[in-house]
Structures are given as C-alpha cells and as structure tokens.
Protein backbone atom coordinates (compact mmCIF):
# COMPACT_ATOMS: atom_id res chain seq x y z
CA MET A 1 -180.29 41.54 -34.22
CA TRP A 2 -178.83 38.07 -33.92
CA ALA A 3 -178.09 38.61 -30.23
CA ALA A 4 -181.65 39.77 -29.55
CA ALA A 5 -183.13 36.73 -31.32
CA ALA A 6 -180.78 34.42 -29.42
CA ARG A 7 -181.79 36.07 -26.14
CA ARG A 8 -185.49 35.64 -26.91
CA LEU A 9 -184.91 31.99 -27.80
CA PHE A 10 -182.92 31.44 -24.61
CA MET A 11 -185.60 33.11 -22.49
CA ASN A 12 -188.39 31.12 -24.13
CA ARG A 13 -186.76 27.70 -23.76
CA PRO A 14 -187.43 27.21 -20.05
CA ARG A 15 -190.88 28.77 -20.43
CA ALA A 16 -191.67 26.35 -23.24
CA GLY A 17 -190.34 23.53 -21.09
CA LEU A 18 -192.55 24.60 -18.20
CA LEU A 19 -195.56 24.81 -20.50
CA LEU A 20 -194.80 21.34 -21.82
CA GLN A 21 -194.46 19.95 -18.31
CA HIS A 22 -197.70 21.64 -17.29
CA ALA A 23 -199.50 20.17 -20.32
CA ARG A 24 -198.16 16.71 -19.50
CA ARG A 25 -199.22 16.99 -15.86
CA THR A 26 -202.68 18.22 -16.88
CA ALA A 27 -203.13 15.37 -19.34
CA SER A 28 -201.94 12.87 -16.74
CA ALA A 29 -204.32 14.30 -14.12
CA MET A 30 -207.24 14.18 -16.56
CA LYS A 31 -206.41 10.60 -17.47
CA GLU A 32 -206.17 9.63 -13.81
CA LYS A 33 -209.45 11.40 -13.05
CA GLY A 34 -211.16 9.73 -15.97
CA SER A 35 -209.96 6.30 -14.89
CA LYS A 36 -210.89 6.70 -11.24
CA LYS A 37 -213.76 4.46 -10.23
CA HIS A 38 -216.75 5.34 -8.10
CA LEU A 39 -219.47 3.63 -6.14
CA TYR A 40 -222.89 3.86 -7.79
CA LEU A 41 -226.05 3.34 -5.78
CA VAL A 42 -229.61 2.90 -7.00
CA LEU A 43 -232.00 3.82 -4.19
CA ASP A 44 -235.73 4.27 -3.74
CA ASP A 45 -235.12 7.68 -2.16
CA LEU A 46 -237.51 9.42 -4.56
CA ASN A 47 -241.26 9.47 -4.01
CA LYS A 48 -242.70 7.15 -6.70
CA GLY A 49 -239.34 6.54 -8.31
CA CYS A 50 -235.66 5.85 -7.75
CA SER A 51 -232.34 7.69 -8.10
CA VAL A 52 -228.84 6.81 -9.26
CA HIS A 53 -226.10 8.28 -7.05
CA LYS A 54 -222.37 8.48 -7.76
CA LEU A 55 -220.07 8.53 -4.73
CA ASP A 56 -216.34 9.01 -4.33
CA ILE A 57 -215.95 6.96 -1.17
CA ASP A 58 -212.36 8.13 -0.58
CA GLU A 59 -213.35 11.77 -0.87
CA ASP A 60 -216.57 11.36 1.10
CA ASP A 61 -214.61 9.77 3.95
CA ARG A 62 -212.86 13.11 4.54
CA GLY A 63 -216.20 14.79 5.21
CA GLY A 64 -216.54 13.27 8.66
CA VAL A 65 -218.47 10.05 8.41
CA GLY A 66 -219.27 9.90 12.10
CA GLY A 67 -222.40 12.01 11.64
CA GLY A 68 -225.13 11.73 9.08
CA GLN A 69 -224.74 13.59 5.81
CA GLN A 70 -226.99 14.21 2.84
CA LEU A 71 -226.27 12.33 -0.36
CA PRO A 72 -225.03 14.41 -3.28
CA LEU A 73 -227.50 15.16 -6.05
CA PRO A 74 -228.19 12.05 -8.15
CA VAL A 75 -226.80 11.66 -11.65
CA THR A 76 -230.31 10.77 -12.81
CA ARG A 77 -233.80 10.16 -11.50
CA LEU A 78 -236.24 7.57 -12.83
CA HIS A 79 -239.62 8.93 -11.81
CA TYR A 80 -243.19 7.76 -12.05
CA PRO A 81 -244.80 7.22 -14.55
CA THR A 82 -241.69 6.01 -16.41
CA LEU A 83 -241.19 2.92 -14.24
CA GLY A 84 -244.39 2.99 -12.25
CA ASP A 85 -244.59 2.82 -8.49
CA ASP A 86 -243.10 -0.70 -8.15
CA PRO A 87 -239.86 -0.70 -10.18
CA HIS A 88 -237.24 -3.44 -10.39
CA VAL A 89 -233.65 -2.49 -11.12
CA GLY A 90 -230.53 -4.38 -12.21
CA VAL A 91 -227.07 -3.56 -13.56
CA LEU A 92 -225.75 -4.66 -16.96
CA GLY A 93 -222.24 -3.42 -17.72
CA SER A 94 -222.31 0.36 -17.24
CA ASN A 95 -226.11 0.45 -17.58
CA VAL A 96 -228.68 0.72 -14.83
CA VAL A 97 -231.65 -1.23 -16.19
CA GLY A 98 -235.08 -0.59 -14.75
CA ILE A 99 -238.34 -2.36 -15.54
CA GLY A 100 -241.76 -1.29 -14.41
CA SER A 101 -245.45 -1.22 -15.10
CA GLY A 102 -245.32 2.27 -16.58
CA SER A 103 -248.33 4.56 -16.59
CA PRO A 104 -251.86 3.33 -17.31
CA GLU A 105 -252.18 5.53 -20.39
CA GLN A 106 -249.28 3.81 -22.19
CA SER A 107 -250.72 1.42 -24.76
CA TRP A 108 -248.18 1.17 -27.60
CA PRO A 109 -248.05 -1.26 -29.37
CA SER A 110 -251.82 -1.68 -29.11
CA ASN A 111 -251.66 -5.44 -28.52
CA ARG A 112 -249.42 -5.16 -25.42
CA ARG A 113 -250.02 -4.05 -21.89
CA ALA A 114 -248.34 -0.88 -20.72
CA GLY A 115 -244.79 -1.34 -19.52
CA VAL A 116 -241.31 0.01 -20.07
CA THR A 117 -237.66 -0.98 -19.90
CA VAL A 118 -235.23 1.84 -19.17
CA ALA A 119 -231.44 1.69 -19.52
CA PHE A 120 -229.27 4.54 -18.22
CA ASP A 121 -225.56 4.40 -19.10
CA VAL A 122 -223.58 5.95 -16.24
CA LYS A 123 -220.54 6.40 -18.51
CA THR A 124 -222.22 8.30 -21.31
CA ALA A 125 -225.39 9.53 -19.53
CA ALA A 126 -227.37 8.05 -22.44
CA LEU A 127 -230.96 7.12 -21.61
CA THR A 128 -232.77 4.44 -23.63
CA VAL A 129 -236.45 3.68 -23.18
CA LEU A 130 -238.12 0.59 -24.63
CA ARG A 131 -241.88 0.72 -24.29
CA ASP A 132 -242.14 -2.99 -23.74
CA LEU A 133 -241.67 -5.73 -21.17
CA PRO A 134 -241.19 -9.48 -21.71
CA THR A 135 -244.11 -11.84 -21.63
CA GLY A 136 -245.16 -12.53 -18.07
CA GLU A 137 -243.69 -9.40 -16.58
CA ARG A 138 -246.39 -7.44 -18.38
CA ASP A 139 -248.78 -9.44 -16.21
CA TYR A 140 -247.15 -7.92 -13.15
CA TYR A 141 -245.55 -11.02 -11.63
CA ALA A 142 -242.93 -10.61 -8.90
CA VAL A 143 -239.28 -10.41 -9.95
CA HIS A 144 -236.97 -12.48 -7.76
CA LEU A 145 -233.62 -12.15 -9.53
CA MET A 146 -231.88 -9.97 -12.12
CA VAL A 147 -228.36 -11.15 -12.95
CA ALA A 148 -225.97 -9.99 -15.68
CA VAL A 149 -223.81 -12.43 -17.66
CA GLY A 150 -221.73 -10.89 -20.42
CA ASN A 151 -223.95 -8.60 -22.49
CA ARG A 152 -227.18 -10.18 -21.30
CA MET A 153 -229.34 -9.69 -18.25
CA TYR A 154 -231.38 -12.66 -17.06
CA MET A 155 -234.54 -11.94 -15.11
CA ILE A 156 -236.37 -14.63 -13.17
CA GLU A 157 -239.95 -14.03 -12.09
CA SER A 158 -242.67 -16.17 -10.58
CA GLY A 159 -245.96 -16.85 -12.20
CA SER A 160 -245.84 -16.75 -15.98
CA GLY A 161 -243.95 -20.00 -16.62
CA GLU A 162 -244.63 -23.57 -15.66
CA TYR A 163 -242.01 -26.29 -15.79
CA LYS A 164 -243.10 -29.85 -15.11
CA HIS A 165 -240.45 -31.44 -12.90
CA GLY A 166 -241.59 -34.82 -11.65
CA ASP A 167 -245.21 -34.74 -10.61
CA GLU A 168 -245.30 -31.13 -9.47
CA PRO A 169 -245.22 -28.03 -11.70
CA CYS A 170 -242.82 -25.26 -10.72
CA THR A 171 -243.87 -21.65 -11.03
CA GLY A 172 -241.31 -19.34 -12.53
CA ALA A 173 -239.96 -18.11 -15.84
CA MET A 174 -236.70 -16.63 -17.04
CA HIS A 175 -236.40 -13.82 -19.58
CA CYS A 176 -233.32 -12.30 -21.16
CA LEU A 177 -232.47 -8.73 -22.15
CA LYS A 178 -229.66 -8.55 -24.68
CA HIS A 179 -227.52 -5.47 -25.19
CA THR A 180 -225.59 -5.07 -28.44
CA ALA A 181 -222.88 -2.39 -28.32
CA GLY A 182 -223.62 -1.04 -31.79
CA ALA A 183 -226.48 -1.22 -34.23
CA GLY A 184 -224.21 -2.75 -36.86
CA ASP A 185 -222.88 -5.57 -34.71
CA GLU A 186 -223.41 -9.09 -35.93
CA ASP A 187 -225.98 -11.15 -34.06
CA ASP A 188 -225.06 -14.83 -34.25
CA ASP A 189 -228.43 -16.00 -32.98
CA GLN A 190 -230.74 -13.43 -34.45
CA GLU A 191 -233.43 -15.97 -35.29
CA GLN A 192 -233.72 -16.81 -31.59
CA TRP A 193 -234.51 -13.23 -30.63
CA PRO A 194 -238.06 -12.47 -31.83
CA TRP A 195 -239.33 -9.20 -30.48
CA CYS A 196 -241.89 -7.14 -32.36
CA GLU A 197 -242.14 -6.51 -36.06
CA PHE A 198 -242.10 -2.82 -36.87
CA SER A 199 -242.31 -1.00 -40.16
CA PHE A 200 -239.20 0.98 -39.27
CA GLU A 201 -235.78 0.28 -37.81
CA SER A 202 -235.16 1.77 -34.38
CA PRO A 203 -231.54 1.94 -33.12
CA SER A 204 -232.72 1.29 -29.57
CA LEU A 205 -234.56 -1.86 -30.61
CA MET A 206 -231.48 -3.07 -32.44
CA ARG A 207 -229.30 -2.56 -29.36
CA TRP A 208 -231.74 -3.71 -26.67
CA ARG A 209 -233.94 -6.75 -27.11
CA TRP A 210 -236.04 -8.91 -24.81
CA ASN A 211 -236.56 -12.58 -25.39
CA ASP A 212 -238.12 -15.39 -23.38
CA VAL A 213 -235.32 -17.86 -22.73
CA GLN A 214 -237.59 -20.78 -21.85
CA ASP A 215 -241.10 -21.49 -20.67
CA GLY A 216 -240.24 -22.13 -17.06
CA THR A 217 -237.60 -22.71 -14.41
CA PRO A 218 -237.12 -26.15 -12.77
CA PHE A 219 -237.76 -24.63 -9.35
CA HIS A 220 -240.08 -22.23 -7.60
CA ALA A 221 -238.61 -18.80 -8.25
CA SER A 222 -239.93 -17.40 -4.97
CA GLY A 223 -237.44 -19.60 -3.08
CA ILE A 224 -234.26 -17.95 -4.46
CA MET A 225 -232.01 -16.95 -1.56
CA ALA A 226 -228.51 -16.74 -3.06
CA HIS A 227 -226.80 -16.46 -6.41
CA ALA A 228 -223.26 -16.21 -7.77
CA LEU A 229 -221.54 -15.92 -11.14
CA HIS A 230 -219.12 -18.66 -12.12
CA PRO A 231 -215.59 -17.25 -12.72
CA GLY A 232 -215.68 -18.76 -16.20
CA GLY A 233 -217.95 -15.89 -17.15
CA ARG A 234 -220.87 -17.69 -18.79
CA ALA A 235 -222.81 -19.45 -16.03
CA PHE A 236 -224.58 -18.46 -12.83
CA PHE A 237 -225.72 -20.43 -9.79
CA VAL A 238 -228.88 -19.97 -7.73
CA SER A 239 -229.79 -21.56 -4.40
CA LEU A 240 -233.34 -22.21 -3.23
CA HIS A 241 -234.48 -22.46 0.35
CA ASP A 242 -237.97 -23.22 1.56
CA PRO A 243 -238.15 -23.88 5.33
CA TRP A 244 -241.44 -25.75 4.96
CA VAL A 245 -240.07 -28.61 2.85
CA HIS A 246 -237.49 -31.29 3.57
CA ALA A 247 -234.05 -31.63 1.98
CA GLY A 248 -234.27 -33.39 -1.38
CA ASP A 249 -237.37 -31.47 -2.45
CA ASP A 250 -236.95 -29.38 -5.62
CA ARG A 251 -237.90 -26.30 -3.64
CA ARG A 252 -234.51 -26.59 -1.96
CA GLY A 253 -231.06 -27.01 -3.47
CA THR A 254 -228.69 -25.40 -5.94
CA PHE A 255 -229.04 -25.03 -9.72
CA SER A 256 -226.78 -23.55 -12.39
CA TYR A 257 -227.60 -22.11 -15.79
CA ASP A 258 -224.92 -22.23 -18.50
CA THR A 259 -225.46 -19.47 -21.05
CA GLY A 260 -222.78 -20.70 -23.47
CA LYS A 261 -223.45 -22.61 -26.66
CA GLU A 262 -221.88 -25.76 -25.23
CA GLY A 263 -224.28 -25.60 -22.32
CA SER A 264 -227.22 -25.20 -24.71
CA GLY A 265 -228.81 -22.78 -22.30
CA CYS A 266 -230.13 -25.42 -19.89
CA TRP A 267 -230.48 -25.79 -16.15
CA THR A 268 -228.52 -28.29 -14.05
CA ARG A 269 -229.48 -29.38 -10.55
CA HIS A 270 -226.37 -29.96 -8.44
CA GLY A 271 -227.96 -31.36 -5.32
CA ASP A 272 -230.04 -30.53 -2.27
CA TRP A 273 -227.22 -28.49 -0.71
CA GLU A 274 -227.41 -24.70 -0.68
CA LEU A 275 -224.91 -21.88 -1.08
CA PRO A 276 -224.32 -20.38 2.39
CA PHE A 277 -224.98 -16.80 1.28
CA ALA A 278 -227.69 -14.18 1.57
CA GLY A 279 -228.09 -12.49 -1.81
CA GLN A 280 -225.21 -12.22 -4.26
CA ALA A 281 -221.76 -13.71 -3.70
CA HIS A 282 -218.71 -12.59 -5.70
CA TYR A 283 -215.74 -14.58 -6.91
CA ASP A 284 -212.45 -13.32 -5.48
CA ALA A 285 -209.30 -14.42 -7.28
CA GLY A 286 -207.08 -13.90 -4.23
CA LEU A 287 -209.21 -16.23 -2.15
CA ASP A 288 -210.08 -18.48 -5.11
CA ALA A 289 -213.59 -18.70 -3.72
CA TRP A 290 -216.99 -17.07 -3.70
CA LEU A 291 -217.33 -14.45 -0.98
CA GLY A 292 -220.59 -13.12 0.40
CA LEU A 293 -222.67 -12.31 3.46
CA HIS A 294 -223.64 -15.38 5.46
CA LEU A 295 -227.24 -16.60 5.67
CA HIS A 296 -227.97 -18.11 9.06
CA ILE A 297 -230.61 -20.87 9.01
CA HIS A 298 -232.05 -21.71 12.40
CA ASN A 299 -233.31 -25.13 13.41
CA ASN A 300 -236.88 -23.80 13.61
CA GLY A 301 -236.76 -22.87 9.93
CA GLU A 302 -236.09 -19.16 10.36
CA PHE A 303 -233.30 -17.63 8.30
CA TYR A 304 -231.67 -14.23 8.36
CA MET A 305 -228.47 -12.36 7.52
CA ASP A 306 -226.24 -12.52 10.61
CA GLY A 307 -223.51 -10.00 9.71
CA TYR A 308 -220.66 -12.47 9.13
CA LEU A 309 -218.61 -12.99 5.98
CA CYS A 310 -218.46 -16.36 4.31
CA THR A 311 -216.35 -18.02 1.59
CA CYS A 312 -217.38 -21.03 -0.43
CA ASP A 313 -215.53 -23.24 -2.91
CA VAL A 314 -216.59 -22.83 -6.53
CA ARG A 315 -218.41 -25.69 -8.21
CA PRO A 316 -218.29 -26.41 -11.98
CA PRO A 317 -221.54 -25.74 -13.87
CA GLY A 318 -223.28 -28.50 -15.78
CA SER A 319 -222.35 -31.36 -13.40
CA CYS A 320 -225.29 -33.11 -11.79
CA GLY A 321 -225.00 -34.42 -8.26
CA THR A 322 -221.86 -32.49 -7.30
CA PRO A 323 -220.97 -32.71 -3.60
CA ALA A 324 -221.64 -29.81 -1.29
CA PRO A 325 -218.73 -27.33 -1.36
CA ASP A 326 -216.59 -26.53 1.67
CA TRP A 327 -217.10 -23.11 3.18
CA LYS A 328 -215.62 -20.91 5.90
CA LEU A 329 -217.17 -18.36 8.21
CA SER A 330 -215.33 -15.32 9.52
CA LYS A 331 -214.73 -15.35 13.27
CA GLU A 332 -215.62 -11.68 13.66
CA GLU A 333 -218.74 -9.85 12.55
CA LEU A 334 -218.49 -7.56 9.56
CA PHE A 335 -221.47 -5.62 10.91
CA HIS A 336 -223.91 -5.97 13.76
CA VAL A 337 -227.43 -6.92 12.74
CA ASP A 338 -230.21 -5.30 14.74
CA PRO A 339 -233.41 -7.10 13.62
CA GLN A 340 -235.47 -4.08 14.62
CA ARG A 341 -233.48 -1.73 12.35
CA HIS A 342 -231.86 -3.84 9.64
CA ILE A 343 -233.30 -3.38 6.13
CA ASP A 344 -230.66 -4.45 3.60
CA ALA A 345 -226.96 -5.16 3.23
CA LYS A 346 -224.68 -6.22 0.37
CA ILE A 347 -221.00 -6.19 -0.50
CA VAL A 348 -219.49 -4.74 -3.68
CA PRO A 349 -216.04 -5.68 -5.05
CA ILE A 350 -213.88 -2.56 -5.38
CA GLY A 351 -210.41 -4.05 -5.65
CA GLY A 352 -210.41 -5.67 -9.08
CA GLY A 353 -210.52 -9.18 -7.62
CA GLY A 354 -207.86 -8.41 -5.02
CA GLY A 355 -209.89 -8.72 -1.84
CA GLY A 356 -211.16 -5.12 -1.61
CA PHE A 357 -214.89 -4.67 -0.93
CA CYS A 358 -217.41 -2.09 0.19
CA LEU A 359 -220.21 -3.00 2.56
CA VAL A 360 -223.46 -1.15 1.80
CA GLU A 361 -225.94 -1.19 4.70
CA ILE A 362 -229.38 0.34 5.00
CA LEU A 363 -231.04 0.51 8.41
CA THR A 364 -233.53 2.68 10.19
CA ARG A 365 -232.40 5.60 12.31
CA GLU A 366 -232.31 5.27 16.07
CA GLY A 367 -235.82 5.17 17.48
CA VAL A 368 -237.50 4.40 14.12
CA ARG A 369 -239.20 1.04 13.69
CA ARG A 370 -239.05 -0.85 10.41
CA ASP A 371 -242.80 -0.64 9.95
CA GLU A 372 -242.69 3.16 10.08
CA CYS A 373 -239.55 3.95 8.08
CA LEU A 374 -241.20 4.60 4.69
CA GLY A 375 -242.03 8.10 3.48
CA ASP A 376 -240.55 11.55 3.87
CA GLY A 377 -238.27 12.52 6.73
CA ASP A 378 -234.92 10.79 6.16
CA LYS A 379 -235.88 7.99 8.54
CA CYS A 380 -233.16 5.63 7.29
CA VAL A 381 -229.37 5.52 7.33
CA LEU A 382 -227.06 4.45 4.50
CA ARG A 383 -223.77 3.26 5.96
CA LEU A 384 -220.68 2.43 3.86
CA THR A 385 -217.62 0.49 5.07
CA THR A 386 -214.60 -0.61 3.05
CA PHE A 387 -212.61 -3.69 4.01
CA ARG A 388 -210.42 -6.49 2.75
CA ALA A 389 -211.00 -10.23 3.07
CA GLU A 390 -207.99 -12.51 3.48
CA TYR A 391 -207.00 -15.93 4.70
CA ALA A 392 -204.75 -15.89 7.74
CA ALA A 393 -201.80 -18.25 8.17
CA ASP A 394 -204.11 -20.81 9.77
CA ARG A 395 -206.53 -20.43 6.78
CA ASP A 396 -209.11 -18.63 8.91
CA LEU A 397 -211.13 -16.00 7.05
CA THR A 398 -210.17 -12.59 8.41
CA ILE A 399 -211.42 -9.03 7.88
CA THR A 400 -208.69 -6.40 7.57
CA ALA A 401 -208.27 -2.72 6.62
CA ARG A 402 -211.80 -1.93 7.75
CA ARG A 403 -212.74 1.74 7.74
CA PRO A 404 -215.94 3.82 7.51
CA ALA A 405 -216.52 5.35 4.07
CA GLY A 406 -219.84 7.16 4.38
CA HIS A 407 -222.83 7.77 6.65
CA TYR A 408 -225.92 9.32 5.08
CA TYR A 409 -229.52 10.00 6.03
CA ILE A 410 -231.95 8.87 3.35
CA SER A 411 -235.66 8.40 2.75
CA ARG A 412 -237.30 5.23 1.45
CA TYR A 413 -240.64 4.88 -0.27
CA ILE A 414 -240.94 1.34 -1.71
CA ASP A 415 -241.02 -1.47 0.82
CA MET A 416 -239.94 -4.32 -1.50
CA PHE A 417 -237.43 -2.33 -3.57
CA GLN A 418 -234.01 -3.99 -3.89
CA PRO A 419 -231.25 -1.32 -3.79
CA GLN A 420 -228.36 -1.87 -6.20
CA ALA A 421 -224.68 -1.04 -5.78
CA PHE A 422 -221.81 -1.40 -8.26
CA TRP A 423 -218.27 -0.16 -8.75
CA MET A 424 -217.21 1.56 -11.97
C-alpha cells in the first residue's frame, strides 16, 4: 500500500509541475495580452455617424499592407440621431467623447435646446450619454479645438463668446468637460461647476459635467492652426494664423492657457510668432521638444501641410513676450502630399515618449477627386506608417525605422469631420 501511494505521488509530481508551469505561462500570456496597446481610430465611415476602430498595427502588418484591406468591425458605432449629422469628437483618457446636435425631438430639460454629449470608454466599453451641451454649442457654433488636460477636456468654439481685447472684440468661447473617476470623489472646486439642478442624483451627472470656463477667448477661434500640451501637464498652447492680417495682430500669434490653480485659469499671449505645426504636436522626452507635422506658409499667404516632420523647443506657459522658439525641419519627407488627394494626416505617439510614432493618413483613392470622395463606395484610403524620430550626430532631425503598418479602403460621409487617433 505504501509503495503504491509513493508511486502515485512520484508520478503526479512532474504532472503537477507541468500544470503549474502551464498555469504560470497562461497567466503571463493573459497579462501580456491585457497590457498590449492598440491604435484606436474614430472615423466618419458610417452614414450619419462615426465608428471607433481598434487596430493591432503589428498584427495587421502581417496581412499584406501593400493592397487595400477592409477595416475590422468597429468596437462601437455612434449613429444618428445620437450625435446628429455633424458630430465633433475628442479623446479624454480612455474615453472617446462626442458632441452633437442630437435629434430634433430631444427637448429635455425643457429649457434647453436638443443636444447630447456621449462618452465611450474603450477600456470598459461603458457608454455614458448626457443629454446636454454647454452654452454656445447648443447654438450650433463651429468647434475648432478639443484638447484634453488631465481629467478635463477643453473645447473652443467660435461665436458664443466675446472677449474685448483692445478695440476689437474676438469671437470665441472655451468650455470645459470634467470627468470624475468615481461618484464619491471629492471635488475641490464644486462651486465653480454649475450645471443643472435636478430633483435626483444621477451617477453620470456626478462623473461628467460641463462648465463654461470663461466668456470668451482673447483671439478669433477660427484662426487656430496648431496646438500642443506643455510637458508639465497642466497647460496647453495654441497658435493662430490669419493670412489676411499682418504680424502683431491678435489674429496671429501664440497663446497658452494654464489650467492649474497658480495660473488662475487665464490666457497668456507669448508673441506674434507661431508654432510651426499643422494640428497637434506632441512632446517627446528623447528629443526634449515638441514634434509634429510641419505647416508650410507660402509668401502669398497660402498654407498647407507639406509632409515633413518638425521639432520645436518648448516654451514656459504664463510668460508674456517670450522669444520665438528654435525649430528644426526633417530633411526627408515623412509622406508625399498630393493636393488633389490629401484629406488629413496626424501622428500618434506609440513609444511612451521614446520617439516611436504612427502616421495616420487619409487620402482619396487613385482617380477619385476630393470633391467626389464622400458617400458610399470606399473612395478613400487609410494609410498607417510607424517610424521613429531622432537627432543625428550633427543634430539633424532624422526619420528611422519606417515601415508600413496598414492600408485600408474606407468611406467618408462628413466633409468637415476631424478623425481622431490615439494609442492605448
């Protein structure tokens, strides 16, 4: 009996060891899979709506990116009438935030125009809908910028605010959407966040709240061409360009907004110089500079994205009259811009501040003009390219490790829609 028990124990030891090793490998694989990051895209590829797509750019690269592919099914769709037929979308943390006019029949609360704010958490797949928009946006003014700082999203639109700067009023207003992680979190400035008074407590209202930050912006919001977050984490910069005015006019130049308590939430004008970017620039710790796509400004006043990378020294927020920063332009093109086909391009950091980026391009297919690319038929191409940005020994900005990461046929339906891309 003792011998039989000993034999069973001896036989089970390696099996138990194998089971333990298998369990450890499985747990490690699940942890690695759970921590792996993906590229998320928000596209207007849905008739009267938009979709959120999740892409594994390493895996998709093995599918043969030379030819066009179809995008995988989206993780969610935001369809009319939820956001209406002219939505604006931004990213706050792991949330895709959409604002829109909603459907005409929405009229709750009774004293507000129809409108909704939708937040979709890509981590938890939770969907939150607030049947409200901030003052001004309910009046259907154009949105020119949505930028996230910490747990707040700042939205700048033109029309509802008026800020007297000198003798000329500037049209534009900024609103703020605040996200609180939990309903029980402390709010240190609760009195500054009036929303609507309800006879009940809604968890969504406690976690998501709109507030008008100030009456107006000290510039014309329609002139915003570039923006960047300060690496300190509480301020953002915007650059204005209006080809019809001279340097020194408030419709040109660079401003910063400090969201911290020390900055008292006020704007600072740094000068009549402009950031050299088109759209958003990102701070890269390895380069110790902002990095973005270059905006070429021609002598005749025309401006356009030229396909080159650009770095720019970071300026401190809150300092008036700071000198124009030094900047560098890459000697080689990151992508070739065909004015007849180019629709949109942006770069997304994918290396945790270590120089890794993904270029997201949208252009029309061969033989399709820009003025005929909307509607059914997959008339556009989404092209993804990963690369690294580095300084060479001579301090020239160089592009390395460039490789294609995806080539997809897509449809577009909203002419002025701003696609979003983020890494998570």
